[in-house]
Amino acid sequence: MEPAWTPYCGAGPSPAEAWGRWNLDPLLLGALAIAAGLLLVAAPNRRGLVMAALAVLALSFVSPLCALSSALFCARTLHHVLLTSLAAPVLAWALPRAEAAKGLGATTLAFAAVFWIWHAPAAYGAALSSDGVYWLMQASLLSSATLFWRAVRSAPAPAGVAALLATTVQMGLLGALLTFMPRALYAPHALTTIPWGLSPLEDQQLAGLLMWIPAAGAYLAAALVLLGRQLRGMAAVAAR
């Protein structure tokens, strides 16, 4: 007997109804309001970054993207990329900088482990079957990514570049595996992609490409920025 998938964002919408599927869950809206207050207290001089991070979170959980991620695995992948590659680094730079770089290797490994675990078919299916597991997935992805970016921010440039390159590789590898996998892996999307003109395998391939190129590319771009700053600093010192 096939399990009944009950994702937090509701059943996957058809294209005709997707734009009307805003998530106005009062508990979610209350949690976002509380988070806004706490972050503004913690980072009073970086209100722009705080509001930018909250806007990404609202896009992820309040906008129709929430419902769309119930229908399409590629939308779910975009959702995860927004959390880990956009909201998390913005939060990391909004919060006060850590006094010393600690645990860069551990946070890099932890983030990679969390990301891979939640994209395993069994764990992914559990998250779309239980609201509690769903929020555990979202919280662990966002928190591990934020800790990773905070560690990168506080680390010496060479170590930060190494961590970002390692993350580029592991995320690109997962994306490549999803892209070239010969069969669809995610049972919750076995019947939800057809209204969108995609087979489950095509949906998975789009998700893999999204993870492989733009998502992994974000970490590569960050590594190049850090490396460029390091080289400019070395050149400035040498010119004195």
C-alpha atoms as a PDB file:
ATOM      1  CA  MET A   1       0.000   0.000   0.000  1.00  0.00           C
ATOM      2  CA  GLU A   2       1.349   3.376  -1.030  1.00  0.00           C
ATOM      3  CA  PRO A   3       1.929   5.815   1.870  1.00  0.00           C
ATOM      4  CA  ALA A   4      -0.230   8.924   2.052  1.00  0.00           C
ATOM      5  CA  TRP A   5       2.003  11.941   1.604  1.00  0.00           C
ATOM      6  CA  THR A   6       0.881  14.891   3.724  1.00  0.00           C
ATOM      7  CA  PRO A   7       3.465  17.638   3.183  1.00  0.00           C
ATOM      8  CA  TYR A   8       3.354  20.679   5.423  1.00  0.00           C
ATOM      9  CA  CYS A   9       2.662  22.991   2.480  1.00  0.00           C
ATOM     10  CA  GLY A  10      -0.314  20.892   1.373  1.00  0.00           C
ATOM     11  CA  ALA A  11      -0.878  18.779  -1.702  1.00  0.00           C
ATOM     12  CA  GLY A  12       1.051  19.759  -4.802  1.00  0.00           C
ATOM     13  CA  PRO A  13      -0.882  22.373  -6.810  1.00  0.00           C
ATOM     14  CA  SER A  14      -1.652  22.357 -10.516  1.00  0.00           C
ATOM     15  CA  PRO A  15      -0.261  25.208 -12.635  1.00  0.00           C
ATOM     16  CA  ALA A  16      -3.686  26.880 -12.637  1.00  0.00           C
ATOM     17  CA  GLU A  17      -3.904  27.096  -8.847  1.00  0.00           C
ATOM     18  CA  ALA A  18      -0.260  27.513  -7.853  1.00  0.00           C
ATOM     19  CA  TRP A  19      -0.193  31.326  -7.646  1.00  0.00           C
ATOM     20  CA  GLY A  20      -3.104  31.336  -5.213  1.00  0.00           C
ATOM     21  CA  ARG A  21      -1.408  28.982  -2.754  1.00  0.00           C
ATOM     22  CA  TRP A  22       0.062  31.398  -0.207  1.00  0.00           C
ATOM     23  CA  ASN A  23       0.883  29.884   3.183  1.00  0.00           C
ATOM     24  CA  LEU A  24      -0.688  32.048   5.903  1.00  0.00           C
ATOM     25  CA  ASP A  25      -0.187  29.599   8.745  1.00  0.00           C
ATOM     26  CA  PRO A  26      -0.476  31.803  11.868  1.00  0.00           C
ATOM     27  CA  LEU A  27       2.155  29.776  13.727  1.00  0.00           C
ATOM     28  CA  LEU A  28       4.616  30.306  10.882  1.00  0.00           C
ATOM     29  CA  LEU A  29       3.859  34.021  10.634  1.00  0.00           C
ATOM     30  CA  GLY A  30       4.219  34.358  14.385  1.00  0.00           C
ATOM     31  CA  ALA A  31       7.546  32.524  14.336  1.00  0.00           C
ATOM     32  CA  LEU A  32       8.846  34.807  11.581  1.00  0.00           C
ATOM     33  CA  ALA A  33       7.750  37.869  13.565  1.00  0.00           C
ATOM     34  CA  ILE A  34       9.520  36.589  16.694  1.00  0.00           C
ATOM     35  CA  ALA A  35      12.636  35.785  14.673  1.00  0.00           C
ATOM     36  CA  ALA A  36      12.580  39.301  13.226  1.00  0.00           C
ATOM     37  CA  GLY A  37      12.429  40.828  16.688  1.00  0.00           C
ATOM     38  CA  LEU A  38      15.240  38.664  18.058  1.00  0.00           C
ATOM     39  CA  LEU A  39      17.483  39.294  15.062  1.00  0.00           C
ATOM     40  CA  LEU A  40      16.917  43.049  15.153  1.00  0.00           C
ATOM     41  CA  VAL A  41      17.927  43.051  18.826  1.00  0.00           C
ATOM     42  CA  ALA A  42      20.985  40.892  18.133  1.00  0.00           C
ATOM     43  CA  ALA A  43      22.079  42.927  15.090  1.00  0.00           C
ATOM     44  CA  PRO A  44      20.705  46.473  15.493  1.00  0.00           C
ATOM     45  CA  ASN A  45      23.278  47.937  13.092  1.00  0.00           C
ATOM     46  CA  ARG A  46      22.590  45.470  10.297  1.00  0.00           C
ATOM     47  CA  ARG A  47      18.866  45.844   9.863  1.00  0.00           C
ATOM     48  CA  GLY A  48      19.117  45.719   6.090  1.00  0.00           C
ATOM     49  CA  LEU A  49      20.732  42.292   6.188  1.00  0.00           C
ATOM     50  CA  VAL A  50      18.232  41.069   8.770  1.00  0.00           C
ATOM     51  CA  MET A  51      15.294  42.170   6.650  1.00  0.00           C
ATOM     52  CA  ALA A  52      16.875  40.633   3.540  1.00  0.00           C
ATOM     53  CA  ALA A  53      17.229  37.274   5.319  1.00  0.00           C
ATOM     54  CA  LEU A  54      13.632  37.431   6.538  1.00  0.00           C
ATOM     55  CA  ALA A  55      12.472  38.241   3.006  1.00  0.00           C
ATOM     56  CA  VAL A  56      14.186  35.076   1.747  1.00  0.00           C
ATOM     57  CA  LEU A  57      12.559  33.048   4.523  1.00  0.00           C
ATOM     58  CA  ALA A  58       9.161  34.516   3.645  1.00  0.00           C
ATOM     59  CA  LEU A  59       9.722  33.679  -0.005  1.00  0.00           C
ATOM     60  CA  SER A  60      10.593  30.123   0.990  1.00  0.00           C
ATOM     61  CA  PHE A  61       7.752  29.431   3.406  1.00  0.00           C
ATOM     62  CA  VAL A  62       4.945  31.946   2.782  1.00  0.00           C
ATOM     63  CA  SER A  63       4.954  32.412  -0.987  1.00  0.00           C
ATOM     64  CA  PRO A  64       3.517  29.836  -3.443  1.00  0.00           C
ATOM     65  CA  LEU A  65       7.001  28.301  -3.600  1.00  0.00           C
ATOM     66  CA  CYS A  66       6.043  26.417  -0.442  1.00  0.00           C
ATOM     67  CA  ALA A  67       3.128  24.675  -2.157  1.00  0.00           C
ATOM     68  CA  LEU A  68       5.049  24.271  -5.415  1.00  0.00           C
ATOM     69  CA  SER A  69       7.743  22.356  -3.546  1.00  0.00           C
ATOM     70  CA  SER A  70       5.086  19.751  -2.712  1.00  0.00           C
ATOM     71  CA  ALA A  71       4.564  19.173  -6.425  1.00  0.00           C
ATOM     72  CA  LEU A  72       8.076  19.428  -7.837  1.00  0.00           C
ATOM     73  CA  PHE A  73      11.343  18.160  -6.417  1.00  0.00           C
ATOM     74  CA  CYS A  74      13.162  20.853  -8.383  1.00  0.00           C
ATOM     75  CA  ALA A  75      11.106  23.482  -6.506  1.00  0.00           C
ATOM     76  CA  ARG A  76      12.040  21.798  -3.230  1.00  0.00           C
ATOM     77  CA  THR A  77      15.673  21.957  -4.294  1.00  0.00           C
ATOM     78  CA  LEU A  78      15.309  25.675  -5.044  1.00  0.00           C
ATOM     79  CA  HIS A  79      13.744  26.055  -1.603  1.00  0.00           C
ATOM     80  CA  HIS A  80      16.758  24.381   0.031  1.00  0.00           C
ATOM     81  CA  VAL A  81      19.191  26.429  -2.033  1.00  0.00           C
ATOM     82  CA  LEU A  82      17.492  29.651  -0.927  1.00  0.00           C
ATOM     83  CA  LEU A  83      17.822  28.591   2.713  1.00  0.00           C
ATOM     84  CA  THR A  84      21.432  27.407   2.627  1.00  0.00           C
ATOM     85  CA  SER A  85      23.024  29.577  -0.049  1.00  0.00           C
ATOM     86  CA  LEU A  86      21.182  32.871   0.421  1.00  0.00           C
ATOM     87  CA  ALA A  87      19.347  33.183   3.751  1.00  0.00           C
ATOM     88  CA  ALA A  88      22.160  31.475   5.705  1.00  0.00           C
ATOM     89  CA  PRO A  89      25.066  33.649   4.488  1.00  0.00           C
ATOM     90  CA  VAL A  90      22.997  36.814   4.897  1.00  0.00           C
ATOM     91  CA  LEU A  91      22.204  35.773   8.479  1.00  0.00           C
ATOM     92  CA  ALA A  92      25.865  34.936   9.080  1.00  0.00           C
ATOM     93  CA  TRP A  93      26.907  38.435   8.027  1.00  0.00           C
ATOM     94  CA  ALA A  94      24.025  40.093   9.901  1.00  0.00           C
ATOM     95  CA  LEU A  95      24.935  38.517  13.232  1.00  0.00           C
ATOM     96  CA  PRO A  96      27.941  39.750  15.218  1.00  0.00           C
ATOM     97  CA  ARG A  97      31.173  38.274  14.005  1.00  0.00           C
ATOM     98  CA  ALA A  98      32.654  35.472  16.085  1.00  0.00           C
ATOM     99  CA  GLU A  99      35.699  36.583  18.053  1.00  0.00           C
ATOM    100  CA  ALA A 100      37.803  33.710  16.789  1.00  0.00           C
ATOM    101  CA  ALA A 101      37.528  31.139  14.051  1.00  0.00           C
ATOM    102  CA  LYS A 102      36.550  27.828  15.582  1.00  0.00           C
ATOM    103  CA  GLY A 103      35.333  24.590  14.132  1.00  0.00           C
ATOM    104  CA  LEU A 104      35.502  25.429  10.443  1.00  0.00           C
ATOM    105  CA  GLY A 105      36.237  21.820   9.538  1.00  0.00           C
ATOM    106  CA  ALA A 106      33.502  20.507  11.814  1.00  0.00           C
ATOM    107  CA  THR A 107      30.869  22.933  10.532  1.00  0.00           C
ATOM    108  CA  THR A 108      31.817  22.171   6.930  1.00  0.00           C
ATOM    109  CA  LEU A 109      31.393  18.433   7.524  1.00  0.00           C
ATOM    110  CA  ALA A 110      28.193  18.944   9.523  1.00  0.00           C
ATOM    111  CA  PHE A 111      26.595  21.052   6.812  1.00  0.00           C
ATOM    112  CA  ALA A 112      27.539  18.532   4.133  1.00  0.00           C
ATOM    113  CA  ALA A 113      26.186  15.647   6.220  1.00  0.00           C
ATOM    114  CA  VAL A 114      22.874  17.428   6.925  1.00  0.00           C
ATOM    115  CA  PHE A 115      22.440  18.344   3.258  1.00  0.00           C
ATOM    116  CA  TRP A 116      23.094  14.803   2.019  1.00  0.00           C
ATOM    117  CA  ILE A 117      20.978  13.149   4.718  1.00  0.00           C
ATOM    118  CA  TRP A 118      17.865  15.181   3.874  1.00  0.00           C
ATOM    119  CA  HIS A 119      18.240  14.370   0.180  1.00  0.00           C
ATOM    120  CA  ALA A 120      18.296  10.639   0.868  1.00  0.00           C
ATOM    121  CA  PRO A 121      14.952   9.279  -0.377  1.00  0.00           C
ATOM    122  CA  ALA A 122      13.916   7.788   2.986  1.00  0.00           C
ATOM    123  CA  ALA A 123      14.623  10.957   4.980  1.00  0.00           C
ATOM    124  CA  TYR A 124      13.031  13.117   2.308  1.00  0.00           C
ATOM    125  CA  GLY A 125       9.905  10.966   2.306  1.00  0.00           C
ATOM    126  CA  ALA A 126       9.686  11.196   6.099  1.00  0.00           C
ATOM    127  CA  ALA A 127       9.832  14.989   5.902  1.00  0.00           C
ATOM    128  CA  LEU A 128       6.885  15.027   3.504  1.00  0.00           C
ATOM    129  CA  SER A 129       4.902  12.714   5.781  1.00  0.00           C
ATOM    130  CA  SER A 130       5.217  14.588   9.077  1.00  0.00           C
ATOM    131  CA  ASP A 131       5.154  18.282   9.938  1.00  0.00           C
ATOM    132  CA  GLY A 132       7.562  17.643  12.794  1.00  0.00           C
ATOM    133  CA  VAL A 133      10.125  15.966  10.541  1.00  0.00           C
ATOM    134  CA  TYR A 134       9.567  18.669   7.914  1.00  0.00           C
ATOM    135  CA  TRP A 135      10.493  21.420  10.353  1.00  0.00           C
ATOM    136  CA  LEU A 136      13.428  19.387  11.630  1.00  0.00           C
ATOM    137  CA  MET A 137      14.676  19.261   8.041  1.00  0.00           C
ATOM    138  CA  GLN A 138      14.267  23.007   7.514  1.00  0.00           C
ATOM    139  CA  ALA A 139      15.754  23.990  10.877  1.00  0.00           C
ATOM    140  CA  SER A 140      18.770  21.702  10.524  1.00  0.00           C
ATOM    141  CA  LEU A 141      19.490  22.879   6.982  1.00  0.00           C
ATOM    142  CA  LEU A 142      19.272  26.567   7.902  1.00  0.00           C
ATOM    143  CA  SER A 143      21.151  26.289  11.191  1.00  0.00           C
ATOM    144  CA  SER A 144      23.983  24.105   9.875  1.00  0.00           C
ATOM    145  CA  ALA A 145      24.400  26.368   6.835  1.00  0.00           C
ATOM    146  CA  THR A 146      24.408  29.505   8.994  1.00  0.00           C
ATOM    147  CA  LEU A 147      27.038  28.022  11.308  1.00  0.00           C
ATOM    148  CA  PHE A 148      29.089  27.060   8.259  1.00  0.00           C
ATOM    149  CA  TRP A 149      28.946  30.589   6.789  1.00  0.00           C
ATOM    150  CA  ARG A 150      29.732  32.165  10.181  1.00  0.00           C
ATOM    151  CA  ALA A 151      32.798  29.939  10.465  1.00  0.00           C
ATOM    152  CA  VAL A 152      33.871  30.910   6.943  1.00  0.00           C
ATOM    153  CA  ARG A 153      33.433  34.582   7.792  1.00  0.00           C
ATOM    154  CA  SER A 154      35.648  34.302  10.884  1.00  0.00           C
ATOM    155  CA  ALA A 155      38.299  32.017   9.407  1.00  0.00           C
ATOM    156  CA  PRO A 156      41.524  33.114   7.718  1.00  0.00           C
ATOM    157  CA  ALA A 157      41.007  33.528   3.991  1.00  0.00           C
ATOM    158  CA  PRO A 158      42.925  30.384   2.908  1.00  0.00           C
ATOM    159  CA  ALA A 159      40.914  28.182   5.284  1.00  0.00           C
ATOM    160  CA  GLY A 160      37.661  29.832   4.219  1.00  0.00           C
ATOM    161  CA  VAL A 161      38.484  29.287   0.559  1.00  0.00           C
ATOM    162  CA  ALA A 162      39.278  25.612   1.226  1.00  0.00           C
ATOM    163  CA  ALA A 163      35.970  25.110   3.060  1.00  0.00           C
ATOM    164  CA  LEU A 164      33.991  26.797   0.299  1.00  0.00           C
ATOM    165  CA  LEU A 165      35.722  24.742  -2.397  1.00  0.00           C
ATOM    166  CA  ALA A 166      35.031  21.539  -0.473  1.00  0.00           C
ATOM    167  CA  THR A 167      31.370  22.515  -0.250  1.00  0.00           C
ATOM    168  CA  THR A 168      31.331  23.317  -3.955  1.00  0.00           C
ATOM    169  CA  VAL A 169      32.590  19.809  -4.702  1.00  0.00           C
ATOM    170  CA  GLN A 170      30.184  17.950  -2.417  1.00  0.00           C
ATOM    171  CA  MET A 171      27.155  19.894  -3.585  1.00  0.00           C
ATOM    172  CA  GLY A 172      28.171  19.519  -7.219  1.00  0.00           C
ATOM    173  CA  LEU A 173      28.643  15.781  -6.697  1.00  0.00           C
ATOM    174  CA  LEU A 174      25.151  15.387  -5.245  1.00  0.00           C
ATOM    175  CA  GLY A 175      23.732  17.422  -8.106  1.00  0.00           C
ATOM    176  CA  ALA A 176      25.548  15.293 -10.673  1.00  0.00           C
ATOM    177  CA  LEU A 177      24.301  12.079  -9.064  1.00  0.00           C
ATOM    178  CA  LEU A 178      20.707  13.303  -9.212  1.00  0.00           C
ATOM    179  CA  THR A 179      21.131  14.478 -12.795  1.00  0.00           C
ATOM    180  CA  PHE A 180      22.500  11.195 -14.130  1.00  0.00           C
ATOM    181  CA  MET A 181      20.521   8.784 -11.968  1.00  0.00           C
ATOM    182  CA  PRO A 182      18.624   6.501 -14.400  1.00  0.00           C
ATOM    183  CA  ARG A 183      15.433   6.395 -12.308  1.00  0.00           C
ATOM    184  CA  ALA A 184      13.398   8.726 -10.129  1.00  0.00           C
ATOM    185  CA  LEU A 185      14.180   8.332  -6.444  1.00  0.00           C
ATOM    186  CA  TYR A 186      11.578  10.411  -4.642  1.00  0.00           C
ATOM    187  CA  ALA A 187       8.248   8.638  -4.139  1.00  0.00           C
ATOM    188  CA  PRO A 188       6.350  11.753  -2.923  1.00  0.00           C
ATOM    189  CA  HIS A 189       6.698  13.221  -6.425  1.00  0.00           C
ATOM    190  CA  ALA A 190       5.773  10.084  -8.368  1.00  0.00           C
ATOM    191  CA  LEU A 191       2.330  11.501  -9.257  1.00  0.00           C
ATOM    192  CA  THR A 192       2.729  15.246  -8.721  1.00  0.00           C
ATOM    193  CA  THR A 193       4.931  16.326 -11.618  1.00  0.00           C
ATOM    194  CA  ILE A 194       2.716  15.308 -14.552  1.00  0.00           C
ATOM    195  CA  PRO A 195       0.423  18.399 -14.394  1.00  0.00           C
ATOM    196  CA  TRP A 196       3.574  20.466 -14.867  1.00  0.00           C
ATOM    197  CA  GLY A 197       4.585  18.613 -18.032  1.00  0.00           C
ATOM    198  CA  LEU A 198       7.455  16.762 -16.388  1.00  0.00           C
ATOM    199  CA  SER A 199       8.044  13.134 -15.603  1.00  0.00           C
ATOM    200  CA  PRO A 200       9.384  12.421 -12.100  1.00  0.00           C
ATOM    201  CA  LEU A 201      12.781  11.636 -13.623  1.00  0.00           C
ATOM    202  CA  GLU A 202      12.863  14.917 -15.586  1.00  0.00           C
ATOM    203  CA  ASP A 203      11.905  16.802 -12.429  1.00  0.00           C
ATOM    204  CA  GLN A 204      14.756  15.096 -10.580  1.00  0.00           C
ATOM    205  CA  GLN A 205      17.179  15.933 -13.375  1.00  0.00           C
ATOM    206  CA  LEU A 206      16.199  19.608 -13.219  1.00  0.00           C
ATOM    207  CA  ALA A 207      16.767  19.516  -9.475  1.00  0.00           C
ATOM    208  CA  GLY A 208      20.185  17.962 -10.003  1.00  0.00           C
ATOM    209  CA  LEU A 209      21.177  20.614 -12.525  1.00  0.00           C
ATOM    210  CA  LEU A 210      20.030  23.346 -10.167  1.00  0.00           C
ATOM    211  CA  MET A 211      22.126  21.896  -7.372  1.00  0.00           C
ATOM    212  CA  TRP A 212      25.086  21.109  -9.613  1.00  0.00           C
ATOM    213  CA  ILE A 213      25.489  24.446 -11.388  1.00  0.00           C
ATOM    214  CA  PRO A 214      23.945  27.545  -9.736  1.00  0.00           C
ATOM    215  CA  ALA A 215      23.904  26.203  -6.156  1.00  0.00           C
ATOM    216  CA  ALA A 216      27.454  24.825  -6.205  1.00  0.00           C
ATOM    217  CA  GLY A 217      28.475  27.881  -8.214  1.00  0.00           C
ATOM    218  CA  ALA A 218      27.443  30.148  -5.347  1.00  0.00           C
ATOM    219  CA  TYR A 219      30.058  28.553  -3.092  1.00  0.00           C
ATOM    220  CA  LEU A 220      32.661  28.712  -5.836  1.00  0.00           C
ATOM    221  CA  ALA A 221      31.893  32.405  -6.374  1.00  0.00           C
ATOM    222  CA  ALA A 222      32.268  33.064  -2.639  1.00  0.00           C
ATOM    223  CA  ALA A 223      35.605  31.232  -2.647  1.00  0.00           C
ATOM    224  CA  LEU A 224      36.822  33.365  -5.553  1.00  0.00           C
ATOM    225  CA  VAL A 225      35.757  36.550  -3.761  1.00  0.00           C
ATOM    226  CA  LEU A 226      37.690  35.551  -0.634  1.00  0.00           C
ATOM    227  CA  LEU A 227      40.691  34.543  -2.706  1.00  0.00           C
ATOM    228  CA  GLY A 228      40.603  37.824  -4.611  1.00  0.00           C
ATOM    229  CA  ARG A 229      40.543  39.808  -1.382  1.00  0.00           C
ATOM    230  CA  GLN A 230      43.468  37.816  -0.046  1.00  0.00           C
ATOM    231  CA  LEU A 231      45.524  38.386  -3.175  1.00  0.00           C
ATOM    232  CA  ARG A 232      44.713  42.109  -3.210  1.00  0.00           C
ATOM    233  CA  GLY A 233      45.767  42.347   0.433  1.00  0.00           C
ATOM    234  CA  MET A 234      49.030  40.562  -0.277  1.00  0.00           C
ATOM    235  CA  ALA A 235      49.684  42.811  -3.265  1.00  0.00           C
ATOM    236  CA  ALA A 236      49.013  45.921  -1.157  1.00  0.00           C
ATOM    237  CA  VAL A 237      51.448  44.740   1.525  1.00  0.00           C
ATOM    238  CA  ALA A 238      54.089  43.938  -1.090  1.00  0.00           C
ATOM    239  CA  ALA A 239      53.702  47.394  -2.650  1.00  0.00           C
ATOM    240  CA  ARG A 240      54.513  49.242   0.585  1.00  0.00           C
END
